[in-house]
Amino acid sequence: MPVTLWRAGLLLSSLGLCACLEENCVVALVGQPVSLPCFYRELSTFGNFSVEWRRDDEVLFRSVWEKDRTIEESRIIGAEISADALLSGNLSLELPAADPTEDEVYYSLYIISGENRSLPLCTVCLRIAASFSSPLLQREEVANEETNFLCHSSGGFPEPAVYWLINDTEEPPQGSVRTLTALHPDSHLYNITSYLTVNISKDSSVSCIIENQLINENLTSTSYVVQGSMVVNRASEAMWIFSTVMCVAVGVMVMAGVVYQIHLDRKSRKEQHMHQGQNRGYKRRLPYEEETEAMTIEAKETDV
């Protein structure tokens, strides 16, 4: 097949079968296997050729075919394609696990015949996502009758959007929200903490919403400010923990005292029994001793 016709055929096939636009990127969850799709059913028309999956300029997988059989394969990081790719036309790249560092990275498949390399037969963009933890919402009273709310969530990707709502519909005043985002250096996952300081009436509710748009995930936590109830702050939480520890310590001391008292009572009863036994033995010997003394006195009188 002439080189120009060969390239034209590949280009038309790529446009019709597996062109991957940016808005249709493959979304993979962190730590889960991922498949980058690519199909081309005309492989059997070629003689000797090879296919390459590349990430930018790095070759992740390369397979060489000669006379309808594989004669050589090379791969890194466990990347592979289907064993029956020549028959099925399934050239999808299988990766063992998605990693946040590969977010928004493009992968391309090329077919090489002799010294000629085709245009990318398939180009696939990869997006990485991870679910955030359920938001932890805390509140505490501050000066000027204001209330400070803290919302924390962790372990997600990519960076989320944070929303606050008062009574389910009202947005907080401008400048009342401060949000901090931190990327963990080892896992490359996000931790997010948002603060809301606002003056709200009793019998109101405040909601914190963590939105991961990439996987259409919305996590909500709501705090209710009830009339007549006290707001739980960090100091009261510390006092509750201290009181619990003290109660446990006192309980242990009481139990130890009871056990020690039982031990003393048993020891005292044992000593009493031994003392009573000695007294009974003394009383049994007393008549015999009196009789012996009487016989001794009588013997002395007889001798006289």
Protein backbone atom coordinates (compact mmCIF):
# COMPACT_ATOMS: atom_id res chain seq x y z
CA MET A 1 0.00 0.00 0.00
CA PRO A 2 1.44 3.43 -0.92
CA VAL A 3 2.55 5.47 2.05
CA THR A 4 0.21 8.37 1.30
CA LEU A 5 -2.85 6.15 1.03
CA TRP A 6 -1.82 4.27 4.18
CA ARG A 7 -1.56 7.49 6.16
CA ALA A 8 -4.82 8.79 4.76
CA GLY A 9 -6.59 5.60 5.74
CA LEU A 10 -5.27 5.77 9.26
CA LEU A 11 -6.24 9.40 9.61
CA LEU A 12 -9.81 8.77 8.45
CA SER A 13 -10.09 5.78 10.75
CA SER A 14 -8.88 7.78 13.72
CA LEU A 15 -11.39 10.54 13.00
CA GLY A 16 -14.24 8.08 12.66
CA LEU A 17 -13.43 5.56 15.36
CA CYS A 18 -11.63 6.96 18.38
CA ALA A 19 -10.84 10.66 18.30
CA CYS A 20 -11.02 11.76 21.93
CA LEU A 21 -11.86 15.41 22.54
CA GLU A 22 -10.87 17.23 25.69
CA GLU A 23 -14.45 17.52 26.93
CA ASN A 24 -14.75 13.71 26.71
CA CYS A 25 -11.69 12.83 28.78
CA VAL A 26 -11.54 9.52 30.60
CA VAL A 27 -12.12 9.99 34.34
CA ALA A 28 -10.38 7.52 36.65
CA LEU A 29 -10.51 7.16 40.42
CA VAL A 30 -7.26 7.29 42.37
CA GLY A 31 -5.79 3.84 42.92
CA GLN A 32 -8.21 2.12 40.50
CA PRO A 33 -7.26 0.50 37.15
CA VAL A 34 -8.00 2.62 34.10
CA SER A 35 -8.56 1.84 30.43
CA LEU A 36 -7.75 4.39 27.71
CA PRO A 37 -9.97 3.40 24.75
CA CYS A 38 -8.77 3.01 21.20
CA PHE A 39 -10.17 0.75 18.43
CA TYR A 40 -8.88 0.11 14.91
CA ARG A 41 -10.18 -2.95 13.07
CA GLU A 42 -7.94 -2.78 10.01
CA LEU A 43 -4.72 -4.07 11.60
CA SER A 44 -4.90 -7.35 9.74
CA THR A 45 -4.40 -5.48 6.44
CA PHE A 46 -0.83 -4.60 7.40
CA GLY A 47 2.13 -6.91 7.16
CA ASN A 48 4.95 -6.02 9.53
CA PHE A 49 4.23 -3.09 11.84
CA SER A 50 4.34 -1.97 15.45
CA VAL A 51 2.11 0.09 17.75
CA GLU A 52 3.21 2.54 20.41
CA TRP A 53 1.34 4.16 23.28
CA ARG A 54 3.05 7.38 24.34
CA ARG A 55 2.61 9.78 27.22
CA ASP A 56 4.00 12.97 25.75
CA ASP A 57 7.38 11.73 24.41
CA GLU A 58 7.63 8.75 26.76
CA VAL A 59 6.86 5.30 25.33
CA LEU A 60 4.68 3.38 27.79
CA PHE A 61 3.96 0.34 25.61
CA ARG A 62 5.36 -0.98 22.34
CA SER A 63 4.37 -4.12 20.46
CA VAL A 64 5.87 -5.41 17.21
CA TRP A 65 3.84 -7.63 14.87
CA GLU A 66 5.19 -9.74 12.04
CA LYS A 67 3.03 -11.99 9.90
CA ASP A 68 0.01 -11.82 12.21
CA ARG A 69 1.91 -12.59 15.39
CA THR A 70 3.63 -10.64 18.14
CA ILE A 71 7.39 -10.95 18.11
CA GLU A 72 8.36 -8.29 20.65
CA GLU A 73 6.77 -6.30 23.47
CA SER A 74 8.11 -3.70 25.85
CA ARG A 75 6.21 -1.88 28.56
CA ILE A 76 6.62 0.17 31.70
CA ILE A 77 4.52 0.62 34.88
CA GLY A 78 2.42 -2.42 33.96
CA ALA A 79 0.88 -0.84 30.84
CA GLU A 80 -0.57 -3.35 28.39
CA ILE A 81 -3.10 -3.89 25.63
CA SER A 82 -5.45 -6.79 24.87
CA ALA A 83 -3.78 -10.06 23.87
CA ASP A 84 -6.19 -10.42 20.92
CA ALA A 85 -5.75 -6.84 19.69
CA LEU A 86 -4.86 -7.98 16.16
CA LEU A 87 -8.15 -9.86 15.77
CA SER A 88 -10.48 -7.65 17.79
CA GLY A 89 -8.97 -4.29 16.92
CA ASN A 90 -9.04 -3.34 20.59
CA LEU A 91 -5.87 -1.31 21.18
CA SER A 92 -7.02 0.24 24.46
CA LEU A 93 -4.23 0.90 26.93
CA GLU A 94 -4.70 -0.68 30.37
CA LEU A 95 -2.98 1.06 33.29
CA PRO A 96 -2.75 -0.64 36.71
CA ALA A 97 -3.71 2.38 38.86
CA ALA A 98 -4.64 6.02 38.40
CA ASP A 99 -2.38 8.57 40.07
CA PRO A 100 -3.14 12.26 40.78
CA THR A 101 0.15 13.29 39.18
CA GLU A 102 -1.24 12.10 35.81
CA ASP A 103 -4.22 14.45 35.84
CA GLU A 104 -4.81 16.23 32.53
CA VAL A 105 -2.11 14.19 30.79
CA TYR A 106 -2.59 13.13 27.15
CA TYR A 107 -1.85 9.63 25.84
CA SER A 108 -1.48 8.89 22.11
CA LEU A 109 -1.35 5.72 20.04
CA TYR A 110 0.81 5.51 16.91
CA ILE A 111 1.16 2.80 14.26
CA ILE A 112 4.63 2.44 12.73
CA SER A 113 5.33 0.62 9.48
CA GLY A 114 8.96 0.52 8.48
CA GLU A 115 10.29 4.02 8.95
CA ASN A 116 6.89 5.66 8.62
CA ARG A 117 4.92 6.72 11.70
CA SER A 118 1.26 7.56 11.43
CA LEU A 119 -0.41 10.57 12.92
CA PRO A 120 -1.86 9.76 16.37
CA LEU A 121 -4.46 7.11 15.77
CA CYS A 122 -6.01 7.86 19.16
CA THR A 123 -5.39 10.68 21.60
CA VAL A 124 -6.93 10.27 25.03
CA CYS A 125 -6.85 12.77 27.87
CA LEU A 126 -6.90 11.39 31.41
CA ARG A 127 -8.55 13.10 34.36
CA ILE A 128 -8.01 11.87 37.92
CA ALA A 129 -10.57 12.09 40.72
CA ALA A 130 -10.97 11.01 44.34
CA SER A 131 -13.91 11.40 46.71
CA PHE A 132 -13.62 13.78 49.64
CA SER A 133 -14.48 12.76 53.18
CA SER A 134 -17.82 13.83 54.63
CA PRO A 135 -17.36 17.43 55.80
CA LEU A 136 -16.86 17.91 59.53
CA LEU A 137 -18.75 21.02 60.65
CA GLN A 138 -18.03 22.66 64.02
CA ARG A 139 -19.17 25.93 65.54
CA GLU A 140 -18.18 28.18 68.39
CA GLU A 141 -19.34 31.51 69.75
CA VAL A 142 -17.01 34.47 69.33
CA ALA A 143 -17.11 38.13 70.31
CA ASN A 144 -19.80 40.61 69.21
CA GLU A 145 -22.50 37.91 69.26
CA GLU A 146 -21.05 36.31 66.15
CA THR A 147 -20.67 32.60 65.56
CA ASN A 148 -17.67 30.99 63.89
CA PHE A 149 -18.22 27.85 61.80
CA LEU A 150 -15.42 25.55 60.64
CA CYS A 151 -15.85 23.04 57.80
CA HIS A 152 -13.14 20.47 57.06
CA SER A 153 -12.85 17.74 54.42
CA SER A 154 -9.87 15.74 53.17
CA GLY A 155 -8.51 13.08 50.80
CA GLY A 156 -10.11 14.28 47.56
CA PHE A 157 -9.05 15.32 44.08
CA PRO A 158 -9.09 17.67 42.24
CA GLU A 159 -9.46 20.86 44.27
CA PRO A 160 -13.16 21.22 45.16
CA ALA A 161 -15.56 24.14 45.33
CA VAL A 162 -16.89 25.12 48.77
CA TYR A 163 -20.28 26.69 49.38
CA TRP A 164 -22.01 27.96 52.52
CA LEU A 165 -25.77 28.33 52.89
CA ILE A 166 -27.83 29.83 55.73
CA ASN A 167 -31.28 28.32 56.18
CA ASP A 168 -30.73 26.25 53.00
CA THR A 169 -31.16 29.20 50.61
CA GLU A 170 -29.34 32.32 51.78
CA GLU A 171 -25.71 32.89 50.88
CA PRO A 172 -23.43 34.32 53.62
CA PRO A 173 -22.38 37.99 53.52
CA GLN A 174 -19.43 38.90 51.34
CA GLY A 175 -16.12 38.67 53.21
CA SER A 176 -17.46 36.30 55.88
CA VAL A 177 -15.89 33.17 54.33
CA ARG A 178 -12.21 32.22 54.33
CA THR A 179 -11.12 28.97 52.67
CA LEU A 180 -7.71 27.27 52.89
CA THR A 181 -6.63 24.44 50.61
CA ALA A 182 -3.57 22.23 51.11
CA LEU A 183 -2.13 19.57 48.79
CA HIS A 184 -0.61 16.61 50.65
CA PRO A 185 2.99 16.19 49.39
CA ASP A 186 2.92 12.37 49.45
CA SER A 187 -0.56 11.44 48.23
CA HIS A 188 -1.13 14.60 46.14
CA LEU A 189 -4.68 14.70 47.51
CA TYR A 190 -6.37 17.84 48.79
CA ASN A 191 -7.34 18.81 52.34
CA ILE A 192 -9.67 21.79 52.60
CA THR A 193 -10.76 23.92 55.56
CA SER A 194 -13.28 26.73 55.28
CA TYR A 195 -14.27 29.28 57.95
CA LEU A 196 -17.51 31.22 58.17
CA THR A 197 -17.96 34.03 60.70
CA VAL A 198 -21.51 35.37 60.77
CA ASN A 199 -24.13 36.88 63.07
CA ILE A 200 -27.19 34.68 62.79
CA SER A 201 -30.38 34.40 64.77
CA LYS A 202 -31.47 31.45 66.83
CA ASP A 203 -33.46 28.65 65.20
CA SER A 204 -31.27 28.97 62.08
CA SER A 205 -29.25 26.42 60.15
CA VAL A 206 -25.87 26.68 58.48
CA SER A 207 -24.75 24.23 55.78
CA CYS A 208 -21.30 23.55 54.33
CA ILE A 209 -21.18 21.97 50.85
CA ILE A 210 -18.09 20.33 49.30
CA GLU A 211 -18.51 19.94 45.54
CA ASN A 212 -16.28 17.77 43.35
CA GLN A 213 -17.47 18.79 39.91
CA LEU A 214 -15.40 16.23 38.04
CA ILE A 215 -17.37 13.28 39.47
CA ASN A 216 -20.56 15.24 40.22
CA GLU A 217 -20.15 14.73 43.98
CA ASN A 218 -21.81 17.02 46.55
CA LEU A 219 -21.21 16.44 50.26
CA THR A 220 -23.21 18.48 52.77
CA SER A 221 -23.03 18.96 56.53
CA THR A 222 -25.57 21.09 58.43
CA SER A 223 -25.45 22.66 61.89
CA TYR A 224 -28.60 23.85 63.68
CA VAL A 225 -28.61 26.75 66.16
CA VAL A 226 -31.57 25.97 68.43
CA GLN A 227 -33.20 28.57 70.70
CA GLY A 228 -32.19 28.09 74.33
CA SER A 229 -29.42 25.63 73.61
CA MET A 230 -25.78 26.34 74.29
CA VAL A 231 -23.29 26.33 71.45
CA VAL A 232 -20.71 23.61 71.91
CA ASN A 233 -17.23 25.11 71.64
CA ARG A 234 -13.76 23.68 71.88
CA ALA A 235 -13.42 24.56 75.56
CA SER A 236 -16.57 22.67 76.49
CA GLU A 237 -15.40 19.72 74.41
CA ALA A 238 -12.12 19.73 76.33
CA MET A 239 -13.98 19.88 79.66
CA TRP A 240 -16.15 16.96 78.57
CA ILE A 241 -13.08 14.90 77.72
CA PHE A 242 -11.42 15.86 81.03
CA SER A 243 -14.55 14.95 82.99
CA THR A 244 -14.77 11.59 81.24
CA VAL A 245 -11.13 10.80 82.04
CA MET A 246 -11.63 11.81 85.68
CA CYS A 247 -14.74 9.62 86.01
CA VAL A 248 -12.86 6.65 84.62
CA ALA A 249 -9.92 7.27 86.96
CA VAL A 250 -12.19 7.57 90.01
CA GLY A 251 -14.02 4.40 88.99
CA VAL A 252 -10.74 2.49 88.76
CA MET A 253 -9.65 3.77 92.19
CA VAL A 254 -12.98 2.76 93.75
CA MET A 255 -12.77 -0.72 92.26
CA ALA A 256 -9.19 -1.10 93.52
CA GLY A 257 -10.29 0.01 96.99
CA VAL A 258 -13.17 -2.50 97.04
CA VAL A 259 -10.89 -5.34 95.97
CA TYR A 260 -8.31 -4.40 98.63
CA GLN A 261 -11.00 -4.19 101.33
CA ILE A 262 -12.30 -7.65 100.41
CA HIS A 263 -8.75 -8.95 100.71
CA LEU A 264 -8.37 -7.41 104.20
CA ASP A 265 -11.73 -8.82 105.32
CA ARG A 266 -10.77 -12.33 104.22
CA LYS A 267 -7.43 -12.05 105.96
CA SER A 268 -9.06 -10.78 109.17
CA ARG A 269 -11.62 -13.61 109.20
CA LYS A 270 -8.86 -16.15 108.70
CA GLU A 271 -6.90 -14.78 111.66
CA GLN A 272 -10.01 -14.80 113.82
CA HIS A 273 -10.67 -18.47 113.02
CA MET A 274 -7.10 -19.41 113.92
CA HIS A 275 -7.32 -17.50 117.23
CA GLN A 276 -10.62 -19.11 118.13
CA GLY A 277 -9.15 -22.55 117.41
CA GLN A 278 -6.29 -21.89 119.82
CA ASN A 279 -8.69 -20.78 122.54
CA ARG A 280 -10.81 -23.94 122.18
CA GLY A 281 -7.69 -26.08 122.50
CA TYR A 282 -6.73 -24.28 125.69
CA LYS A 283 -10.17 -24.81 127.19
CA ARG A 284 -10.08 -28.57 126.45
CA ARG A 285 -6.74 -28.96 128.20
CA LEU A 286 -7.86 -27.05 131.32
CA PRO A 287 -9.77 -29.97 133.16
CA TYR A 288 -6.88 -32.31 132.54
CA GLU A 289 -4.43 -29.87 134.00
CA GLU A 290 -6.64 -29.39 137.10
CA GLU A 291 -6.86 -33.16 137.61
CA THR A 292 -3.08 -33.47 137.29
CA GLU A 293 -2.53 -30.78 139.89
CA ALA A 294 -5.01 -32.46 142.29
CA MET A 295 -3.22 -35.83 141.96
CA THR A 296 0.13 -34.14 142.58
CA ILE A 297 -1.13 -32.50 145.77
CA GLU A 298 -2.65 -35.79 146.98
CA ALA A 299 0.60 -37.63 146.39
CA LYS A 300 2.49 -35.07 148.41
CA GLU A 301 0.07 -35.46 151.37
CA THR A 302 0.42 -39.25 151.29
CA ASP A 303 4.20 -38.99 151.49
CA VAL A 304 3.91 -36.86 154.57
